[in-house]
Protein backbone atom coordinates (compact mmCIF):
# COMPACT_ATOMS: atom_id res chain seq x y z
CA MET A 1 9.44 16.30 -3.74
CA ASN A 2 10.97 13.15 -5.19
CA ASN A 3 14.45 13.59 -6.70
CA GLN A 4 14.82 9.98 -7.82
CA ARG A 5 15.32 9.44 -11.52
CA THR A 6 13.63 6.69 -13.46
CA PRO A 7 16.28 4.39 -14.92
CA PRO A 8 16.43 4.24 -18.71
CA PRO A 9 14.90 1.21 -20.41
CA ARG A 10 17.14 -1.86 -20.62
CA CYS A 11 19.06 -2.36 -23.83
CA ALA A 12 18.45 -5.83 -25.27
CA GLU A 13 21.83 -5.87 -27.00
CA CYS A 14 23.64 -4.97 -23.76
CA ASP A 15 21.78 -7.78 -22.00
CA ARG A 16 22.73 -10.25 -24.76
CA ILE A 17 26.42 -9.27 -24.64
CA LYS A 18 26.51 -9.41 -20.83
CA ALA A 19 24.93 -12.87 -20.79
CA ALA A 20 27.45 -14.17 -23.33
CA TYR A 21 30.34 -12.61 -21.36
CA TYR A 22 29.15 -14.19 -18.10
CA ARG A 23 28.70 -17.56 -19.81
CA ALA A 24 32.23 -17.43 -21.27
CA THR A 25 33.63 -16.44 -17.87
CA ARG A 26 31.81 -19.29 -16.10
CA GLU A 27 33.12 -21.75 -18.67
CA GLY A 28 36.68 -20.44 -18.32
CA ASP A 29 36.89 -19.23 -21.93
CA ARG A 30 39.05 -16.16 -21.41
CA SER A 31 39.44 -15.51 -25.13
CA ALA A 32 35.67 -15.35 -25.68
CA ALA A 33 35.23 -13.22 -22.54
CA THR A 34 37.78 -10.77 -23.90
CA ASP A 35 36.02 -10.69 -27.27
CA TRP A 36 32.68 -9.95 -25.56
CA THR A 37 34.31 -7.14 -23.56
CA VAL A 38 35.61 -5.55 -26.76
CA LEU A 39 32.21 -5.95 -28.41
CA MET A 40 30.49 -4.29 -25.44
CA GLY A 41 32.83 -1.31 -25.71
CA ARG A 42 32.03 -0.93 -29.41
CA HIS A 43 28.33 -1.30 -28.76
CA GLN A 44 28.40 1.29 -25.96
CA ARG A 45 30.18 3.82 -28.17
CA THR A 46 27.90 3.35 -31.17
CA ALA A 47 24.52 2.83 -29.52
CA HIS A 48 24.71 4.85 -26.31
CA SER A 49 26.84 7.91 -27.13
């Protein structure tokens, strides 16, 4: 018996926000990184709750 769960499909919007956050972080743009973090929280609450 296999108890492993199949992961849910990837969310394109989550991927887009993560990529923008990582880019801002790499470039040292802390303000943009903070904005992307806030946006991810809003997205998670509206799309995945």
